[in-house]
PDB file of N, CA and C in Angstrom:
ATOM      1  N   MET A   1     -90.213  -9.958 111.124  1.00  0.00           N
ATOM      2  CA  MET A   1     -89.553  -9.927 109.841  1.00  0.00           C
ATOM      3  C   MET A   1     -88.944  -8.537 109.628  1.00  0.00           C
ATOM      4  N   ASN A   2     -87.659  -8.479 109.325  1.00  0.00           N
ATOM      5  CA  ASN A   2     -86.969  -7.216 109.104  1.00  0.00           C
ATOM      6  C   ASN A   2     -87.001  -6.895 107.613  1.00  0.00           C
ATOM      7  N   THR A   3     -87.524  -5.718 107.250  1.00  0.00           N
ATOM      8  CA  THR A   3     -87.613  -5.334 105.839  1.00  0.00           C
ATOM      9  C   THR A   3     -86.770  -4.106 105.516  1.00  0.00           C
ATOM     10  N   ASP A   4     -85.872  -3.710 106.421  1.00  0.00           N
ATOM     11  CA  ASP A   4     -85.017  -2.555 106.162  1.00  0.00           C
ATOM     12  C   ASP A   4     -83.974  -2.888 105.106  1.00  0.00           C
ATOM     13  N   THR A   5     -83.788  -1.988 104.155  1.00  0.00           N
ATOM     14  CA  THR A   5     -82.806  -2.162 103.100  1.00  0.00           C
ATOM     15  C   THR A   5     -82.083  -0.847 102.888  1.00  0.00           C
ATOM     16  N   THR A   6     -80.756  -0.902 102.787  1.00  0.00           N
ATOM     17  CA  THR A   6     -79.991   0.285 102.435  1.00  0.00           C
ATOM     18  C   THR A   6     -80.050   0.427 100.927  1.00  0.00           C
ATOM     19  N   GLU A   7     -80.663   1.499 100.429  1.00  0.00           N
ATOM     20  CA  GLU A   7     -80.868   1.684  98.998  1.00  0.00           C
ATOM     21  C   GLU A   7     -79.611   2.151  98.279  1.00  0.00           C
ATOM     22  N   TRP A   8     -78.725   2.859  98.978  1.00  0.00           N
ATOM     23  CA  TRP A   8     -77.491   3.322  98.360  1.00  0.00           C
ATOM     24  C   TRP A   8     -76.431   3.550  99.414  1.00  0.00           C
ATOM     25  N   THR A   9     -75.183   3.547  98.975  1.00  0.00           N
ATOM     26  CA  THR A   9     -74.039   3.856  99.820  1.00  0.00           C
ATOM     27  C   THR A   9     -73.340   5.053  99.202  1.00  0.00           C
ATOM     28  N   VAL A  10     -72.956   6.024 100.036  1.00  0.00           N
ATOM     29  CA  VAL A  10     -72.347   7.261  99.543  1.00  0.00           C
ATOM     30  C   VAL A  10     -71.021   7.493 100.254  1.00  0.00           C
ATOM     31  N   CYS A  11     -70.028   7.950  99.485  1.00  0.00           N
ATOM     32  CA  CYS A  11     -68.720   8.314 100.030  1.00  0.00           C
ATOM     33  C   CYS A  11     -68.349   9.673  99.448  1.00  0.00           C
ATOM     34  N   HIS A  12     -67.920  10.597 100.319  1.00  0.00           N
ATOM     35  CA  HIS A  12     -67.559  11.947  99.873  1.00  0.00           C
ATOM     36  C   HIS A  12     -66.048  12.143  99.951  1.00  0.00           C
ATOM     37  N   ASP A  13     -65.455  12.611  98.865  1.00  0.00           N
ATOM     38  CA  ASP A  13     -64.052  13.007  98.822  1.00  0.00           C
ATOM     39  C   ASP A  13     -64.038  14.525  98.911  1.00  0.00           C
ATOM     40  N   ARG A  14     -63.885  15.048 100.109  1.00  0.00           N
ATOM     41  CA  ARG A  14     -63.968  16.493 100.324  1.00  0.00           C
ATOM     42  C   ARG A  14     -62.761  17.236  99.777  1.00  0.00           C
ATOM     43  N   THR A  15     -61.628  16.568  99.624  1.00  0.00           N
ATOM     44  CA  THR A  15     -60.441  17.214  99.063  1.00  0.00           C
ATOM     45  C   THR A  15     -60.628  17.513  97.573  1.00  0.00           C
ATOM     46  N   ASN A  16     -61.141  16.533  96.822  1.00  0.00           N
ATOM     47  CA  ASN A  16     -61.316  16.685  95.379  1.00  0.00           C
ATOM     48  C   ASN A  16     -62.748  17.007  94.971  1.00  0.00           C
ATOM     49  N   LEU A  17     -63.624  17.200  95.960  1.00  0.00           N
ATOM     50  CA  LEU A  17     -65.033  17.525  95.739  1.00  0.00           C
ATOM     51  C   LEU A  17     -65.727  16.534  94.798  1.00  0.00           C
ATOM     52  N   LYS A  18     -65.597  15.255  95.147  1.00  0.00           N
ATOM     53  CA  LYS A  18     -66.276  14.211  94.392  1.00  0.00           C
ATOM     54  C   LYS A  18     -67.114  13.376  95.352  1.00  0.00           C
ATOM     55  N   THR A  19     -68.227  12.910  94.845  1.00  0.00           N
ATOM     56  CA  THR A  19     -69.110  12.041  95.610  1.00  0.00           C
ATOM     57  C   THR A  19     -69.258  10.739  94.836  1.00  0.00           C
ATOM     58  N   TYR A  20     -69.134   9.640  95.548  1.00  0.00           N
ATOM     59  CA  TYR A  20     -69.253   8.313  94.939  1.00  0.00           C
ATOM     60  C   TYR A  20     -70.485   7.640  95.506  1.00  0.00           C
ATOM     61  N   VAL A  21     -71.283   7.046  94.612  1.00  0.00           N
ATOM     62  CA  VAL A  21     -72.548   6.429  95.002  1.00  0.00           C
ATOM     63  C   VAL A  21     -72.610   5.028  94.419  1.00  0.00           C
ATOM     64  N   ARG A  22     -73.091   4.091  95.240  1.00  0.00           N
ATOM     65  CA  ARG A  22     -73.370   2.740  94.771  1.00  0.00           C
ATOM     66  C   ARG A  22     -74.785   2.410  95.177  1.00  0.00           C
ATOM     67  N   THR A  23     -75.624   2.062  94.209  1.00  0.00           N
ATOM     68  CA  THR A  23     -77.004   1.716  94.525  1.00  0.00           C
ATOM     69  C   THR A  23     -77.108   0.242  94.882  1.00  0.00           C
ATOM     70  N   TYR A  24     -78.141  -0.089  95.585  1.00  0.00           N
ATOM     71  CA  TYR A  24     -78.367  -1.474  96.005  1.00  0.00           C
ATOM     72  C   TYR A  24     -78.535  -2.398  94.797  1.00  0.00           C
ATOM     73  N   GLY A  25     -79.271  -1.937  93.808  1.00  0.00           N
ATOM     74  CA  GLY A  25     -79.529  -2.769  92.644  1.00  0.00           C
ATOM     75  C   GLY A  25     -78.436  -2.732  91.603  1.00  0.00           C
ATOM     76  N   GLY A  26     -77.673  -1.626  91.558  1.00  0.00           N
ATOM     77  CA  GLY A  26     -76.688  -1.465  90.509  1.00  0.00           C
ATOM     78  C   GLY A  26     -75.324  -2.023  90.835  1.00  0.00           C
ATOM     79  N   LEU A  27     -74.884  -1.878  92.056  1.00  0.00           N
ATOM     80  CA  LEU A  27     -73.603  -2.350  92.567  1.00  0.00           C
ATOM     81  C   LEU A  27     -72.382  -1.628  91.986  1.00  0.00           C
ATOM     82  N   ARG A  28     -72.499  -0.977  90.836  1.00  0.00           N
ATOM     83  CA  ARG A  28     -71.376  -0.259  90.233  1.00  0.00           C
ATOM     84  C   ARG A  28     -71.220   1.088  90.925  1.00  0.00           C
ATOM     85  N   ILE A  29     -69.979   1.499  91.191  1.00  0.00           N
ATOM     86  CA  ILE A  29     -69.723   2.799  91.811  1.00  0.00           C
ATOM     87  C   ILE A  29     -69.827   3.876  90.744  1.00  0.00           C
ATOM     88  N   GLN A  30     -70.639   4.888  91.018  1.00  0.00           N
ATOM     89  CA  GLN A  30     -70.843   6.003  90.099  1.00  0.00           C
ATOM     90  C   GLN A  30     -70.292   7.268  90.762  1.00  0.00           C
ATOM     91  N   ALA A  31     -69.584   8.092  89.991  1.00  0.00           N
ATOM     92  CA  ALA A  31     -68.937   9.286  90.540  1.00  0.00           C
ATOM     93  C   ALA A  31     -69.678  10.545  90.106  1.00  0.00           C
ATOM     94  N   ILE A  32     -69.740  11.505  91.026  1.00  0.00           N
ATOM     95  CA  ILE A  32     -70.291  12.823  90.740  1.00  0.00           C
ATOM     96  C   ILE A  32     -69.202  13.838  91.066  1.00  0.00           C
ATOM     97  N   ASP A  33     -68.747  14.570  90.057  1.00  0.00           N
ATOM     98  CA  ASP A  33     -67.700  15.582  90.228  1.00  0.00           C
ATOM     99  C   ASP A  33     -68.372  16.914  90.532  1.00  0.00           C
ATOM    100  N   LEU A  34     -68.328  17.318  91.789  1.00  0.00           N
ATOM    101  CA  LEU A  34     -69.005  18.549  92.213  1.00  0.00           C
ATOM    102  C   LEU A  34     -68.348  19.799  91.630  1.00  0.00           C
ATOM    103  N   ASN A  35     -67.107  19.684  91.152  1.00  0.00           N
ATOM    104  CA  ASN A  35     -66.443  20.821  90.508  1.00  0.00           C
ATOM    105  C   ASN A  35     -67.093  21.172  89.177  1.00  0.00           C
ATOM    106  N   ARG A  36     -67.795  20.233  88.579  1.00  0.00           N
ATOM    107  CA  ARG A  36     -68.384  20.440  87.262  1.00  0.00           C
ATOM    108  C   ARG A  36     -69.842  20.864  87.308  1.00  0.00           C
ATOM    109  N   ILE A  37     -70.383  21.068  88.499  1.00  0.00           N
ATOM    110  CA  ILE A  37     -71.778  21.499  88.651  1.00  0.00           C
ATOM    111  C   ILE A  37     -71.800  23.001  88.944  1.00  0.00           C
ATOM    112  N   ASP A  38     -72.633  23.731  88.206  1.00  0.00           N
ATOM    113  CA  ASP A  38     -72.754  25.184  88.381  1.00  0.00           C
ATOM    114  C   ASP A  38     -73.681  25.461  89.570  1.00  0.00           C
ATOM    115  N   PHE A  39     -73.079  25.727  90.730  1.00  0.00           N
ATOM    116  CA  PHE A  39     -73.859  26.000  91.929  1.00  0.00           C
ATOM    117  C   PHE A  39     -74.232  27.472  92.066  1.00  0.00           C
ATOM    118  N   THR A  40     -73.856  28.304  91.074  1.00  0.00           N
ATOM    119  CA  THR A  40     -74.253  29.721  91.121  1.00  0.00           C
ATOM    120  C   THR A  40     -75.716  29.876  90.731  1.00  0.00           C
ATOM    121  N   ARG A  41     -76.262  28.889  90.026  1.00  0.00           N
ATOM    122  CA  ARG A  41     -77.677  28.923  89.665  1.00  0.00           C
ATOM    123  C   ARG A  41     -78.485  28.319  90.810  1.00  0.00           C
ATOM    124  N   PRO A  42     -79.560  28.990  91.229  1.00  0.00           N
ATOM    125  CA  PRO A  42     -80.365  28.467  92.341  1.00  0.00           C
ATOM    126  C   PRO A  42     -81.147  27.225  91.931  1.00  0.00           C
ATOM    127  N   GLY A  43     -81.562  26.468  92.938  1.00  0.00           N
ATOM    128  CA  GLY A  43     -82.423  25.317  92.708  1.00  0.00           C
ATOM    129  C   GLY A  43     -81.736  23.995  92.984  1.00  0.00           C
ATOM    130  N   LEU A  44     -82.554  22.969  93.018  1.00  0.00           N
ATOM    131  CA  LEU A  44     -82.080  21.616  93.267  1.00  0.00           C
ATOM    132  C   LEU A  44     -81.517  21.006  91.994  1.00  0.00           C
ATOM    133  N   ARG A  45     -80.672  20.005  92.142  1.00  0.00           N
ATOM    134  CA  ARG A  45     -80.116  19.255  91.011  1.00  0.00           C
ATOM    135  C   ARG A  45     -80.558  17.803  91.133  1.00  0.00           C
ATOM    136  N   VAL A  46     -80.785  17.167  90.007  1.00  0.00           N
ATOM    137  CA  VAL A  46     -81.207  15.772  89.972  1.00  0.00           C
ATOM    138  C   VAL A  46     -80.268  15.006  89.058  1.00  0.00           C
ATOM    139  N   ILE A  47     -79.830  13.837  89.494  1.00  0.00           N
ATOM    140  CA  ILE A  47     -78.997  12.958  88.682  1.00  0.00           C
ATOM    141  C   ILE A  47     -79.639  11.578  88.699  1.00  0.00           C
ATOM    142  N   GLU A  48     -79.908  11.047  87.518  1.00  0.00           N
ATOM    143  CA  GLU A  48     -80.436   9.690  87.421  1.00  0.00           C
ATOM    144  C   GLU A  48     -79.282   8.707  87.629  1.00  0.00           C
ATOM    145  N   LEU A  49     -79.370   7.894  88.646  1.00  0.00           N
ATOM    146  CA  LEU A  49     -78.345   6.897  88.925  1.00  0.00           C
ATOM    147  C   LEU A  49     -78.749   5.564  88.323  1.00  0.00           C
ATOM    148  N   GLU A  50     -77.753   4.818  87.875  1.00  0.00           N
ATOM    149  CA  GLU A  50     -78.018   3.485  87.336  1.00  0.00           C
ATOM    150  C   GLU A  50     -78.431   2.580  88.485  1.00  0.00           C
ATOM    151  N   GLY A  51     -79.603   2.028  88.404  1.00  0.00           N
ATOM    152  CA  GLY A  51     -80.113   1.193  89.472  1.00  0.00           C
ATOM    153  C   GLY A  51     -80.154  -0.280  89.117  1.00  0.00           C
ATOM    154  N   ARG A  52     -79.679  -0.617  87.912  1.00  0.00           N
ATOM    155  CA  ARG A  52     -79.686  -2.021  87.482  1.00  0.00           C
ATOM    156  C   ARG A  52     -78.256  -2.551  87.488  1.00  0.00           C
ATOM    157  N   PHE A  53     -78.130  -3.831  87.685  1.00  0.00           N
ATOM    158  CA  PHE A  53     -76.817  -4.469  87.642  1.00  0.00           C
ATOM    159  C   PHE A  53     -76.441  -4.699  86.191  1.00  0.00           C
ATOM    160  N   LEU A  54     -75.435  -3.962  85.703  1.00  0.00           N
ATOM    161  CA  LEU A  54     -74.967  -4.084  84.326  1.00  0.00           C
ATOM    162  C   LEU A  54     -73.485  -4.440  84.341  1.00  0.00           C
ATOM    163  N   PRO A  55     -73.164  -5.721  84.304  1.00  0.00           N
ATOM    164  CA  PRO A  55     -71.750  -6.110  84.340  1.00  0.00           C
ATOM    165  C   PRO A  55     -71.019  -5.651  83.082  1.00  0.00           C
ATOM    166  N   GLU A  56     -69.770  -5.260  83.250  1.00  0.00           N
ATOM    167  CA  GLU A  56     -68.939  -4.839  82.132  1.00  0.00           C
ATOM    168  C   GLU A  56     -68.237  -6.060  81.554  1.00  0.00           C
ATOM    169  N   ASP A  57     -68.317  -6.242  80.251  1.00  0.00           N
ATOM    170  CA  ASP A  57     -67.634  -7.346  79.586  1.00  0.00           C
ATOM    171  C   ASP A  57     -66.177  -6.940  79.364  1.00  0.00           C
ATOM    172  N   VAL A  58     -65.261  -7.577  80.073  1.00  0.00           N
ATOM    173  CA  VAL A  58     -63.832  -7.248  79.990  1.00  0.00           C
ATOM    174  C   VAL A  58     -63.058  -8.298  79.198  1.00  0.00           C
ATOM    175  N   THR A  59     -63.758  -9.128  78.435  1.00  0.00           N
ATOM    176  CA  THR A  59     -63.118 -10.185  77.673  1.00  0.00           C
ATOM    177  C   THR A  59     -62.034  -9.638  76.739  1.00  0.00           C
ATOM    178  N   ALA A  60     -62.274  -8.500  76.103  1.00  0.00           N
ATOM    179  CA  ALA A  60     -61.324  -7.913  75.156  1.00  0.00           C
ATOM    180  C   ALA A  60     -60.028  -7.476  75.835  1.00  0.00           C
ATOM    181  N   LYS A  61     -60.023  -7.353  77.142  1.00  0.00           N
ATOM    182  CA  LYS A  61     -58.824  -6.948  77.881  1.00  0.00           C
ATOM    183  C   LYS A  61     -57.934  -8.151  78.229  1.00  0.00           C
ATOM    184  N   CYS A  62     -58.338  -9.341  77.813  1.00  0.00           N
ATOM    185  CA  CYS A  62     -57.580 -10.558  78.115  1.00  0.00           C
ATOM    186  C   CYS A  62     -56.283 -10.599  77.299  1.00  0.00           C
ATOM    187  N   VAL A  63     -55.161 -10.675  77.978  1.00  0.00           N
ATOM    188  CA  VAL A  63     -53.850 -10.722  77.318  1.00  0.00           C
ATOM    189  C   VAL A  63     -53.039 -11.880  77.906  1.00  0.00           C
ATOM    190  N   PRO A  64     -52.100 -12.417  77.123  1.00  0.00           N
ATOM    191  CA  PRO A  64     -51.266 -13.500  77.642  1.00  0.00           C
ATOM    192  C   PRO A  64     -50.384 -13.023  78.805  1.00  0.00           C
ATOM    193  N   LEU A  65     -50.165 -13.885  79.744  1.00  0.00           N
ATOM    194  CA  LEU A  65     -49.284 -13.586  80.873  1.00  0.00           C
ATOM    195  C   LEU A  65     -47.842 -13.728  80.416  1.00  0.00           C
ATOM    196  N   GLU A  66     -47.058 -12.712  80.632  1.00  0.00           N
ATOM    197  CA  GLU A  66     -45.642 -12.747  80.208  1.00  0.00           C
ATOM    198  C   GLU A  66     -44.729 -12.987  81.363  1.00  0.00           C
TER     199      GLU A  66
END
């Protein structure tokens, strides 16, 4: 029985210094803008990622086709 699971997928945009993460449980792509993090201060950084599947209700964006 195989029990290996990929918990997250990560993509790095080295040109714009952004990291994109998708968790196994959340499925939504979350962005981390590395330009906005103060790396002059020592120590590790922690970001809580959304790990639940939360679908976005886009019903209000429904418009007639012209």
